[in-house]
């Protein structure tokens, strides 16, 4: 595994990163910005940055990595989204929800890559017990958890195991899907 750093809000840097790493076999996109934002108070620069990090960078990377995977006849792409997309996001998470919604769009190219054993899927991640919730101090985490049919938040390990399977050689047939790991939401 190679770990690289890049400011995903800098789409030119993302493009350079994409061209430098077309040799990867598994790409997992989990980046997002969870900063409070309301539709009524759109901050254009915040919206642009959130979309760049949470969606546009995915497409730049996929556009370089996907064809290279298809040429090698193997690859896995996993895109992280949020269960909030299903509900329109929270009243104070407009930019975050919009970026996640945009990241779920799978262009026709993705379907074409499937014929070359490149499987691409979206994972809608449900409420997970992480520090992310501290970004929204006005929300009651326990009240949100009470809405989940399983009556608990996911653990980071549960989410990681699911994403790992999607990106592994064990996934031999699932592609083009948006699947929620959300405790029944």
N, C-alpha and C. Protein backbone atom coordinates (compact mmCIF):
# COMPACT_ATOMS: atom_id res chain seq x y z
N UNK A 1 0.85 -1.17 0.00
CA UNK A 1 0.00 0.00 0.00
C UNK A 1 0.89 1.23 0.00
N UNK A 2 0.55 2.18 -0.85
CA UNK A 2 1.27 3.45 -0.90
C UNK A 2 0.35 4.54 -0.39
N UNK A 3 0.81 5.27 0.59
CA UNK A 3 0.06 6.40 1.10
C UNK A 3 0.65 7.67 0.50
N UNK A 4 -0.21 8.53 0.00
CA UNK A 4 0.23 9.79 -0.59
C UNK A 4 -0.58 10.91 0.03
N UNK A 5 -0.03 12.11 -0.01
CA UNK A 5 -0.74 13.27 0.49
C UNK A 5 -1.02 14.23 -0.64
N UNK A 6 -2.19 14.86 -0.56
CA UNK A 6 -2.57 15.82 -1.58
C UNK A 6 -3.69 16.67 -1.01
N UNK A 7 -3.66 17.96 -1.29
CA UNK A 7 -4.76 18.84 -0.92
C UNK A 7 -5.86 18.63 -1.96
N UNK A 8 -6.90 17.92 -1.59
CA UNK A 8 -7.96 17.57 -2.54
C UNK A 8 -8.79 18.78 -2.98
N UNK A 9 -8.63 19.90 -2.31
CA UNK A 9 -9.31 21.11 -2.76
C UNK A 9 -8.56 21.76 -3.92
N UNK A 10 -7.31 21.38 -4.12
CA UNK A 10 -6.49 21.87 -5.22
C UNK A 10 -6.61 20.87 -6.37
N UNK A 11 -7.55 21.10 -7.27
CA UNK A 11 -7.83 20.13 -8.31
C UNK A 11 -6.68 19.96 -9.30
N UNK A 12 -5.83 20.95 -9.45
CA UNK A 12 -4.64 20.77 -10.29
C UNK A 12 -3.68 19.78 -9.64
N UNK A 13 -3.52 19.87 -8.32
CA UNK A 13 -2.68 18.92 -7.60
C UNK A 13 -3.28 17.52 -7.67
N UNK A 14 -4.60 17.43 -7.60
CA UNK A 14 -5.27 16.14 -7.71
C UNK A 14 -5.01 15.53 -9.09
N UNK A 15 -5.08 16.35 -10.11
CA UNK A 15 -4.82 15.85 -11.47
C UNK A 15 -3.39 15.33 -11.60
N UNK A 16 -2.43 16.03 -11.03
CA UNK A 16 -1.04 15.56 -11.04
C UNK A 16 -0.91 14.24 -10.28
N UNK A 17 -1.56 14.15 -9.14
CA UNK A 17 -1.54 12.93 -8.34
C UNK A 17 -2.13 11.77 -9.15
N UNK A 18 -3.24 12.02 -9.81
CA UNK A 18 -3.91 10.98 -10.60
C UNK A 18 -2.99 10.44 -11.69
N UNK A 19 -2.33 11.32 -12.39
CA UNK A 19 -1.45 10.89 -13.47
C UNK A 19 -0.23 10.12 -12.94
N UNK A 20 0.18 10.43 -11.73
CA UNK A 20 1.35 9.77 -11.14
C UNK A 20 1.03 8.40 -10.53
N UNK A 21 -0.26 8.10 -10.35
CA UNK A 21 -0.62 6.86 -9.66
C UNK A 21 -1.63 6.01 -10.43
N UNK A 22 -1.47 5.96 -11.73
CA UNK A 22 -2.36 5.13 -12.54
C UNK A 22 -2.06 3.65 -12.37
N UNK A 23 -1.02 3.32 -11.63
CA UNK A 23 -0.65 1.91 -11.43
C UNK A 23 -1.34 1.27 -10.23
N UNK A 24 -2.22 1.98 -9.56
CA UNK A 24 -2.87 1.39 -8.38
C UNK A 24 -3.94 0.38 -8.80
N UNK A 25 -4.15 -0.62 -7.97
CA UNK A 25 -5.14 -1.66 -8.24
C UNK A 25 -6.44 -1.45 -7.47
N UNK A 26 -6.34 -0.78 -6.33
CA UNK A 26 -7.51 -0.52 -5.50
C UNK A 26 -7.49 0.95 -5.11
N UNK A 27 -8.59 1.63 -5.36
CA UNK A 27 -8.72 3.04 -4.98
C UNK A 27 -9.95 3.18 -4.09
N UNK A 28 -9.75 3.76 -2.93
CA UNK A 28 -10.85 4.00 -1.99
C UNK A 28 -10.91 5.50 -1.75
N UNK A 29 -12.05 6.09 -2.07
CA UNK A 29 -12.24 7.53 -1.90
C UNK A 29 -13.15 7.77 -0.71
N UNK A 30 -12.58 8.32 0.36
CA UNK A 30 -13.36 8.56 1.58
C UNK A 30 -13.28 10.00 2.05
N UNK A 31 -12.74 10.88 1.25
CA UNK A 31 -12.54 12.26 1.69
C UNK A 31 -13.84 13.04 1.67
N UNK A 32 -14.00 13.89 2.66
CA UNK A 32 -15.12 14.82 2.69
C UNK A 32 -14.81 15.90 3.71
N UNK A 33 -15.54 16.98 3.61
CA UNK A 33 -15.45 18.05 4.59
C UNK A 33 -16.78 18.14 5.30
N UNK A 34 -16.76 18.04 6.59
CA UNK A 34 -18.00 18.13 7.37
C UNK A 34 -17.96 19.41 8.18
N UNK A 35 -18.24 20.50 7.50
CA UNK A 35 -18.30 21.80 8.15
C UNK A 35 -19.76 22.26 8.12
N UNK A 36 -20.26 22.81 9.20
CA UNK A 36 -21.65 23.27 9.19
C UNK A 36 -21.92 24.25 8.05
N UNK A 37 -23.00 24.01 7.34
CA UNK A 37 -23.43 24.90 6.26
C UNK A 37 -24.92 24.72 6.06
N UNK A 38 -25.60 25.83 5.83
CA UNK A 38 -27.04 25.81 5.60
C UNK A 38 -27.31 26.32 4.19
N UNK A 39 -28.31 25.76 3.54
CA UNK A 39 -28.69 26.21 2.20
C UNK A 39 -28.99 27.71 2.20
N UNK A 40 -29.64 28.18 3.25
CA UNK A 40 -30.03 29.59 3.32
C UNK A 40 -28.83 30.54 3.42
N UNK A 41 -27.68 30.01 3.81
CA UNK A 41 -26.50 30.85 4.03
C UNK A 41 -25.32 30.34 3.21
N UNK A 42 -25.54 30.04 1.95
CA UNK A 42 -24.47 29.45 1.14
C UNK A 42 -23.26 30.38 1.11
N UNK A 43 -22.14 29.79 1.45
CA UNK A 43 -20.84 30.44 1.32
C UNK A 43 -20.20 29.79 0.09
N UNK A 44 -20.08 30.55 -0.99
CA UNK A 44 -19.66 29.98 -2.26
C UNK A 44 -18.29 29.33 -2.17
N UNK A 45 -17.35 29.95 -1.49
CA UNK A 45 -16.01 29.36 -1.40
C UNK A 45 -16.04 28.06 -0.60
N UNK A 46 -16.84 28.01 0.45
CA UNK A 46 -16.97 26.77 1.23
C UNK A 46 -17.62 25.68 0.38
N UNK A 47 -18.64 26.03 -0.38
CA UNK A 47 -19.32 25.06 -1.24
C UNK A 47 -18.36 24.53 -2.31
N UNK A 48 -17.60 25.41 -2.94
CA UNK A 48 -16.63 24.97 -3.95
C UNK A 48 -15.59 24.04 -3.35
N UNK A 49 -15.08 24.39 -2.19
CA UNK A 49 -14.05 23.56 -1.54
C UNK A 49 -14.64 22.20 -1.15
N UNK A 50 -15.83 22.19 -0.60
CA UNK A 50 -16.47 20.94 -0.19
C UNK A 50 -16.73 20.03 -1.40
N UNK A 51 -17.21 20.60 -2.49
CA UNK A 51 -17.44 19.81 -3.71
C UNK A 51 -16.12 19.30 -4.30
N UNK A 52 -15.09 20.12 -4.26
CA UNK A 52 -13.79 19.69 -4.79
C UNK A 52 -13.27 18.50 -4.00
N UNK A 53 -13.31 18.59 -2.68
CA UNK A 53 -12.78 17.52 -1.83
C UNK A 53 -13.66 16.27 -1.89
N UNK A 54 -14.97 16.45 -1.78
CA UNK A 54 -15.87 15.31 -1.63
C UNK A 54 -16.37 14.67 -2.91
N UNK A 55 -16.21 15.34 -4.05
CA UNK A 55 -16.75 14.76 -5.29
C UNK A 55 -15.82 14.95 -6.48
N UNK A 56 -15.44 16.17 -6.78
CA UNK A 56 -14.67 16.42 -8.00
C UNK A 56 -13.32 15.72 -8.00
N UNK A 57 -12.66 15.68 -6.86
CA UNK A 57 -11.38 14.97 -6.79
C UNK A 57 -11.57 13.49 -7.10
N UNK A 58 -12.69 12.91 -6.67
CA UNK A 58 -12.97 11.50 -6.99
C UNK A 58 -12.97 11.27 -8.49
N UNK A 59 -13.65 12.16 -9.22
CA UNK A 59 -13.79 11.97 -10.66
C UNK A 59 -12.48 12.18 -11.40
N UNK A 60 -11.68 13.12 -10.94
CA UNK A 60 -10.36 13.33 -11.55
C UNK A 60 -9.51 12.08 -11.36
N UNK A 61 -9.50 11.55 -10.15
CA UNK A 61 -8.72 10.35 -9.86
C UNK A 61 -9.26 9.15 -10.64
N UNK A 62 -10.58 8.96 -10.62
CA UNK A 62 -11.18 7.84 -11.35
C UNK A 62 -10.90 7.93 -12.84
N UNK A 63 -10.93 9.15 -13.38
CA UNK A 63 -10.72 9.33 -14.81
C UNK A 63 -9.33 8.91 -15.26
N UNK A 64 -8.36 8.93 -14.37
CA UNK A 64 -7.01 8.48 -14.71
C UNK A 64 -6.80 7.03 -14.31
N UNK A 65 -7.26 6.67 -13.13
CA UNK A 65 -7.00 5.34 -12.57
C UNK A 65 -7.87 4.26 -13.23
N UNK A 66 -9.15 4.55 -13.45
CA UNK A 66 -10.08 3.56 -14.00
C UNK A 66 -9.64 2.99 -15.34
N UNK A 67 -9.32 3.84 -16.33
CA UNK A 67 -8.88 3.30 -17.62
C UNK A 67 -7.60 2.46 -17.51
N UNK A 68 -6.70 2.87 -16.63
CA UNK A 68 -5.46 2.11 -16.45
C UNK A 68 -5.77 0.74 -15.84
N UNK A 69 -6.70 0.71 -14.88
CA UNK A 69 -7.13 -0.57 -14.31
C UNK A 69 -7.75 -1.45 -15.40
N UNK A 70 -8.60 -0.84 -16.22
CA UNK A 70 -9.27 -1.60 -17.29
C UNK A 70 -8.24 -2.18 -18.27
N UNK A 71 -7.22 -1.42 -18.55
CA UNK A 71 -6.18 -1.92 -19.45
C UNK A 71 -5.45 -3.11 -18.83
N UNK A 72 -5.27 -3.10 -17.51
CA UNK A 72 -4.61 -4.21 -16.82
C UNK A 72 -5.58 -5.35 -16.51
N UNK A 73 -6.87 -5.14 -16.79
CA UNK A 73 -7.92 -6.16 -16.60
C UNK A 73 -8.23 -6.47 -15.13
N UNK A 74 -7.98 -5.51 -14.24
CA UNK A 74 -8.34 -5.74 -12.83
C UNK A 74 -8.26 -4.42 -12.08
N UNK A 75 -9.26 -4.20 -11.22
CA UNK A 75 -9.23 -3.04 -10.33
C UNK A 75 -10.49 -2.97 -9.50
N UNK A 76 -10.37 -2.26 -8.39
CA UNK A 76 -11.52 -2.04 -7.50
C UNK A 76 -11.52 -0.57 -7.11
N UNK A 77 -12.69 0.06 -7.24
CA UNK A 77 -12.87 1.45 -6.84
C UNK A 77 -14.04 1.48 -5.87
N UNK A 78 -13.80 2.06 -4.70
CA UNK A 78 -14.84 2.19 -3.67
C UNK A 78 -14.96 3.67 -3.32
N UNK A 79 -16.16 4.18 -3.43
CA UNK A 79 -16.43 5.59 -3.16
C UNK A 79 -17.26 5.68 -1.89
N UNK A 80 -16.78 6.42 -0.93
CA UNK A 80 -17.52 6.62 0.31
C UNK A 80 -18.50 7.77 0.17
N UNK A 81 -19.71 7.54 0.63
CA UNK A 81 -20.74 8.56 0.66
C UNK A 81 -21.33 8.57 2.07
N UNK A 82 -22.48 9.14 2.21
CA UNK A 82 -23.10 9.26 3.53
C UNK A 82 -24.57 8.88 3.47
N UNK A 83 -25.03 8.21 4.52
CA UNK A 83 -26.45 7.88 4.61
C UNK A 83 -27.31 9.15 4.59
N UNK A 84 -26.69 10.28 4.94
CA UNK A 84 -27.41 11.55 4.91
C UNK A 84 -27.96 11.89 3.54
N UNK A 85 -27.34 11.37 2.47
CA UNK A 85 -27.84 11.61 1.12
C UNK A 85 -29.28 11.11 0.99
N UNK A 86 -29.55 9.98 1.63
CA UNK A 86 -30.88 9.36 1.57
C UNK A 86 -31.95 10.29 2.15
N UNK A 87 -31.55 11.10 3.12
CA UNK A 87 -32.51 11.95 3.84
C UNK A 87 -32.38 13.43 3.48
N UNK A 88 -31.54 13.76 2.49
CA UNK A 88 -31.34 15.16 2.13
C UNK A 88 -30.37 15.89 3.04
N UNK A 89 -29.62 15.16 3.83
CA UNK A 89 -28.66 15.76 4.75
C UNK A 89 -29.37 16.41 5.92
N UNK A 90 -28.59 16.92 6.82
CA UNK A 90 -29.14 17.67 7.94
C UNK A 90 -29.33 19.12 7.54
N UNK A 91 -30.12 19.85 8.31
CA UNK A 91 -30.36 21.26 7.99
C UNK A 91 -29.08 22.07 7.99
N UNK A 92 -28.08 21.60 8.73
CA UNK A 92 -26.83 22.34 8.85
C UNK A 92 -25.66 21.67 8.12
N UNK A 93 -25.98 20.77 7.17
CA UNK A 93 -24.90 20.09 6.44
C UNK A 93 -25.15 20.07 4.93
N UNK A 94 -25.62 21.19 4.40
CA UNK A 94 -25.98 21.27 2.99
C UNK A 94 -24.79 20.93 2.09
N UNK A 95 -23.65 21.60 2.26
CA UNK A 95 -22.51 21.39 1.37
C UNK A 95 -22.00 19.95 1.45
N UNK A 96 -21.92 19.42 2.65
CA UNK A 96 -21.47 18.03 2.86
C UNK A 96 -22.40 17.05 2.15
N UNK A 97 -23.70 17.21 2.33
CA UNK A 97 -24.67 16.30 1.71
C UNK A 97 -24.64 16.42 0.19
N UNK A 98 -24.51 17.64 -0.32
CA UNK A 98 -24.45 17.83 -1.77
C UNK A 98 -23.22 17.16 -2.36
N UNK A 99 -22.07 17.32 -1.71
CA UNK A 99 -20.84 16.69 -2.21
C UNK A 99 -20.97 15.17 -2.20
N UNK A 100 -21.55 14.60 -1.15
CA UNK A 100 -21.74 13.16 -1.10
C UNK A 100 -22.71 12.70 -2.17
N UNK A 101 -23.77 13.45 -2.37
CA UNK A 101 -24.73 13.09 -3.42
C UNK A 101 -24.05 13.10 -4.78
N UNK A 102 -23.25 14.11 -5.05
CA UNK A 102 -22.54 14.20 -6.33
C UNK A 102 -21.56 13.04 -6.50
N UNK A 103 -20.96 12.59 -5.40
CA UNK A 103 -19.97 11.51 -5.49
C UNK A 103 -20.61 10.17 -5.84
N UNK A 104 -21.93 10.06 -5.67
CA UNK A 104 -22.62 8.81 -5.97
C UNK A 104 -22.94 8.64 -7.46
N UNK A 105 -22.77 9.67 -8.24
CA UNK A 105 -23.03 9.56 -9.68
C UNK A 105 -21.94 8.71 -10.31
N UNK A 106 -22.33 7.59 -10.90
CA UNK A 106 -21.37 6.72 -11.57
C UNK A 106 -21.55 6.87 -13.08
N UNK A 107 -20.58 7.50 -13.74
CA UNK A 107 -20.70 7.70 -15.19
C UNK A 107 -20.66 6.40 -15.97
N UNK A 108 -21.13 6.44 -17.19
CA UNK A 108 -21.20 5.26 -18.06
C UNK A 108 -19.85 4.55 -18.17
N UNK A 109 -18.77 5.30 -18.13
CA UNK A 109 -17.43 4.70 -18.22
C UNK A 109 -17.24 3.61 -17.18
N UNK A 110 -17.78 3.82 -15.99
CA UNK A 110 -17.64 2.84 -14.91
C UNK A 110 -18.25 1.50 -15.32
N UNK A 111 -19.40 1.55 -15.96
CA UNK A 111 -20.04 0.32 -16.42
C UNK A 111 -19.17 -0.36 -17.49
N UNK A 112 -18.61 0.44 -18.37
CA UNK A 112 -17.75 -0.12 -19.41
C UNK A 112 -16.51 -0.78 -18.83
N UNK A 113 -15.93 -0.20 -17.77
CA UNK A 113 -14.75 -0.79 -17.14
C UNK A 113 -15.06 -2.15 -16.53
N UNK A 114 -16.32 -2.35 -16.14
CA UNK A 114 -16.70 -3.62 -15.51
C UNK A 114 -16.40 -4.79 -16.43
N UNK A 115 -16.52 -4.61 -17.75
CA UNK A 115 -16.21 -5.70 -18.68
C UNK A 115 -14.75 -6.11 -18.61
N UNK A 116 -13.92 -5.25 -18.02
CA UNK A 116 -12.50 -5.54 -17.84
C UNK A 116 -12.15 -5.80 -16.38
N UNK A 117 -13.15 -6.25 -15.62
CA UNK A 117 -12.95 -6.65 -14.22
C UNK A 117 -12.55 -5.49 -13.31
N UNK A 118 -13.03 -4.30 -13.63
CA UNK A 118 -12.86 -3.15 -12.75
C UNK A 118 -14.23 -2.90 -12.12
N UNK A 119 -14.33 -3.19 -10.82
CA UNK A 119 -15.60 -3.08 -10.12
C UNK A 119 -15.63 -1.80 -9.30
N UNK A 120 -16.68 -1.01 -9.50
CA UNK A 120 -16.81 0.28 -8.84
C UNK A 120 -18.12 0.30 -8.07
N UNK A 121 -18.03 0.68 -6.80
CA UNK A 121 -19.21 0.73 -5.95
C UNK A 121 -19.16 1.94 -5.03
N UNK A 122 -20.34 2.32 -4.56
CA UNK A 122 -20.49 3.41 -3.60
C UNK A 122 -20.99 2.82 -2.29
N UNK A 123 -20.40 3.25 -1.19
CA UNK A 123 -20.83 2.83 0.13
C UNK A 123 -21.40 4.04 0.86
N UNK A 124 -22.69 3.98 1.17
CA UNK A 124 -23.31 5.02 1.99
C UNK A 124 -23.05 4.65 3.45
N UNK A 125 -22.20 5.42 4.07
CA UNK A 125 -21.79 5.13 5.43
C UNK A 125 -22.78 5.77 6.40
N UNK A 126 -23.29 4.94 7.29
CA UNK A 126 -24.24 5.41 8.30
C UNK A 126 -23.54 6.07 9.47
N UNK A 127 -24.32 6.42 10.46
CA UNK A 127 -23.79 7.07 11.66
C UNK A 127 -22.75 6.15 12.29
N UNK A 128 -21.56 6.67 12.43
CA UNK A 128 -20.43 5.90 12.93
C UNK A 128 -19.85 6.64 14.14
N UNK A 129 -19.47 5.88 15.13
CA UNK A 129 -18.95 6.46 16.37
C UNK A 129 -17.52 6.97 16.16
N UNK A 130 -17.42 8.19 15.64
CA UNK A 130 -16.13 8.84 15.38
C UNK A 130 -16.20 10.30 15.85
N UNK A 131 -15.07 10.96 15.93
CA UNK A 131 -15.06 12.38 16.33
C UNK A 131 -15.71 13.32 15.32
N UNK A 132 -16.07 12.84 14.13
CA UNK A 132 -16.70 13.68 13.12
C UNK A 132 -17.90 14.44 13.69
N UNK A 133 -18.62 13.82 14.58
CA UNK A 133 -19.85 14.43 15.11
C UNK A 133 -19.57 15.68 15.92
N UNK A 134 -18.34 15.86 16.36
CA UNK A 134 -17.97 17.06 17.11
C UNK A 134 -18.01 18.30 16.22
N UNK A 135 -17.99 18.13 14.89
CA UNK A 135 -18.07 19.25 13.96
C UNK A 135 -19.45 19.91 14.00
N UNK A 136 -20.42 19.20 14.58
CA UNK A 136 -21.79 19.70 14.65
C UNK A 136 -22.24 19.73 16.11
N UNK A 137 -21.77 20.69 16.89
CA UNK A 137 -22.05 20.71 18.33
C UNK A 137 -23.53 20.90 18.67
N UNK A 138 -24.32 21.41 17.74
CA UNK A 138 -25.74 21.61 18.03
C UNK A 138 -26.57 20.35 17.86
N UNK A 139 -25.97 19.29 17.37
CA UNK A 139 -26.69 18.03 17.18
C UNK A 139 -26.53 17.14 18.42
N UNK A 140 -27.58 16.42 18.72
CA UNK A 140 -27.55 15.46 19.83
C UNK A 140 -27.26 14.08 19.24
N UNK A 141 -26.03 13.61 19.43
CA UNK A 141 -25.59 12.35 18.85
C UNK A 141 -26.47 11.19 19.30
N UNK A 142 -26.79 11.11 20.57
CA UNK A 142 -27.61 10.00 21.08
C UNK A 142 -29.03 10.04 20.51
N UNK A 143 -29.56 11.23 20.31
CA UNK A 143 -30.88 11.35 19.68
C UNK A 143 -30.83 10.83 18.25
N UNK A 144 -29.72 11.12 17.55
CA UNK A 144 -29.57 10.64 16.18
C UNK A 144 -29.44 9.12 16.15
N UNK A 145 -28.68 8.56 17.08
CA UNK A 145 -28.50 7.11 17.17
C UNK A 145 -29.84 6.43 17.44
N UNK A 146 -30.70 7.05 18.21
CA UNK A 146 -32.01 6.47 18.54
C UNK A 146 -32.88 6.26 17.29
N UNK A 147 -32.60 6.97 16.20
CA UNK A 147 -33.37 6.83 14.96
C UNK A 147 -32.95 5.61 14.14
N UNK A 148 -31.82 5.01 14.49
CA UNK A 148 -31.29 3.86 13.74
C UNK A 148 -32.01 2.60 14.21
N UNK A 149 -32.55 1.80 13.31
CA UNK A 149 -33.25 0.58 13.73
C UNK A 149 -32.43 -0.33 14.65
N UNK A 150 -31.11 -0.43 14.44
CA UNK A 150 -30.28 -1.24 15.34
C UNK A 150 -29.99 -0.56 16.67
N UNK A 151 -30.38 0.70 16.79
CA UNK A 151 -30.25 1.48 18.04
C UNK A 151 -28.81 1.65 18.50
N UNK A 152 -27.87 1.69 17.55
CA UNK A 152 -26.48 1.98 17.88
C UNK A 152 -25.78 2.51 16.64
N UNK A 153 -24.70 3.22 16.88
CA UNK A 153 -23.87 3.69 15.79
C UNK A 153 -22.97 2.55 15.33
N UNK A 154 -22.50 2.62 14.12
CA UNK A 154 -21.53 1.64 13.62
C UNK A 154 -20.18 1.91 14.28
N UNK A 155 -19.37 0.89 14.33
CA UNK A 155 -17.99 1.08 14.77
C UNK A 155 -17.14 1.35 13.53
N UNK A 156 -16.04 2.06 13.68
CA UNK A 156 -15.15 2.25 12.53
C UNK A 156 -14.69 0.92 11.93
N UNK A 157 -14.51 -0.11 12.75
CA UNK A 157 -14.07 -1.42 12.25
C UNK A 157 -15.13 -2.05 11.35
N UNK A 158 -16.41 -1.89 11.69
CA UNK A 158 -17.47 -2.44 10.84
C UNK A 158 -17.45 -1.78 9.46
N UNK A 159 -17.28 -0.48 9.43
CA UNK A 159 -17.23 0.24 8.16
C UNK A 159 -15.99 -0.18 7.38
N UNK A 160 -14.86 -0.24 8.05
CA UNK A 160 -13.60 -0.62 7.38
C UNK A 160 -13.68 -2.02 6.80
N UNK A 161 -14.26 -2.97 7.54
CA UNK A 161 -14.38 -4.34 7.03
C UNK A 161 -15.22 -4.40 5.76
N UNK A 162 -16.31 -3.65 5.74
CA UNK A 162 -17.19 -3.64 4.57
C UNK A 162 -16.48 -3.05 3.35
N UNK A 163 -15.82 -1.92 3.56
CA UNK A 163 -15.09 -1.26 2.47
C UNK A 163 -13.95 -2.15 1.98
N UNK A 164 -13.27 -2.79 2.92
CA UNK A 164 -12.16 -3.68 2.54
C UNK A 164 -12.66 -4.82 1.66
N UNK A 165 -13.81 -5.39 2.00
CA UNK A 165 -14.35 -6.48 1.16
C UNK A 165 -14.66 -5.97 -0.24
N UNK A 166 -15.32 -4.81 -0.34
CA UNK A 166 -15.65 -4.25 -1.65
C UNK A 166 -14.41 -4.05 -2.52
N UNK A 167 -13.31 -3.68 -1.89
CA UNK A 167 -12.09 -3.41 -2.63
C UNK A 167 -11.16 -4.61 -2.79
N UNK A 168 -11.62 -5.78 -2.41
CA UNK A 168 -10.74 -6.95 -2.39
C UNK A 168 -11.00 -7.90 -3.56
N UNK A 169 -10.14 -8.90 -3.66
CA UNK A 169 -10.31 -9.96 -4.66
C UNK A 169 -11.52 -10.83 -4.33
N UNK A 170 -11.99 -10.76 -3.09
CA UNK A 170 -13.20 -11.53 -2.72
C UNK A 170 -14.44 -10.99 -3.42
N UNK A 171 -14.46 -9.70 -3.70
CA UNK A 171 -15.57 -9.13 -4.46
C UNK A 171 -15.32 -9.44 -5.93
N UNK A 172 -16.05 -10.42 -6.42
CA UNK A 172 -15.86 -10.86 -7.80
C UNK A 172 -17.04 -10.51 -8.72
N UNK A 173 -18.11 -9.89 -8.16
CA UNK A 173 -19.30 -9.73 -8.99
C UNK A 173 -20.12 -8.48 -8.70
N UNK A 174 -19.87 -7.78 -7.62
CA UNK A 174 -20.68 -6.61 -7.28
C UNK A 174 -20.04 -5.36 -7.87
N UNK A 175 -20.78 -4.68 -8.74
CA UNK A 175 -20.29 -3.46 -9.34
C UNK A 175 -21.45 -2.54 -9.69
N UNK A 176 -21.18 -1.25 -9.66
CA UNK A 176 -22.20 -0.26 -10.04
C UNK A 176 -23.28 -0.07 -9.00
N UNK A 177 -23.01 -0.44 -7.77
CA UNK A 177 -24.04 -0.41 -6.74
C UNK A 177 -23.76 0.68 -5.70
N UNK A 178 -24.85 1.17 -5.11
CA UNK A 178 -24.78 2.04 -3.95
C UNK A 178 -25.42 1.26 -2.82
N UNK A 179 -24.61 0.91 -1.84
CA UNK A 179 -25.07 0.09 -0.74
C UNK A 179 -24.85 0.83 0.57
N UNK A 180 -25.84 0.82 1.42
CA UNK A 180 -25.73 1.46 2.72
C UNK A 180 -25.29 0.47 3.78
N UNK A 181 -24.36 0.90 4.61
CA UNK A 181 -24.01 0.17 5.82
C UNK A 181 -24.41 1.13 6.94
N UNK A 182 -25.66 0.94 7.39
CA UNK A 182 -26.28 1.99 8.20
C UNK A 182 -27.20 1.47 9.29
N UNK A 183 -27.11 0.23 9.64
CA UNK A 183 -27.93 -0.28 10.74
C UNK A 183 -29.42 -0.32 10.43
N UNK A 184 -29.77 -0.35 9.15
CA UNK A 184 -31.17 -0.47 8.77
C UNK A 184 -31.84 0.83 8.34
N UNK A 185 -31.11 1.92 8.36
CA UNK A 185 -31.72 3.18 7.92
C UNK A 185 -31.99 3.16 6.44
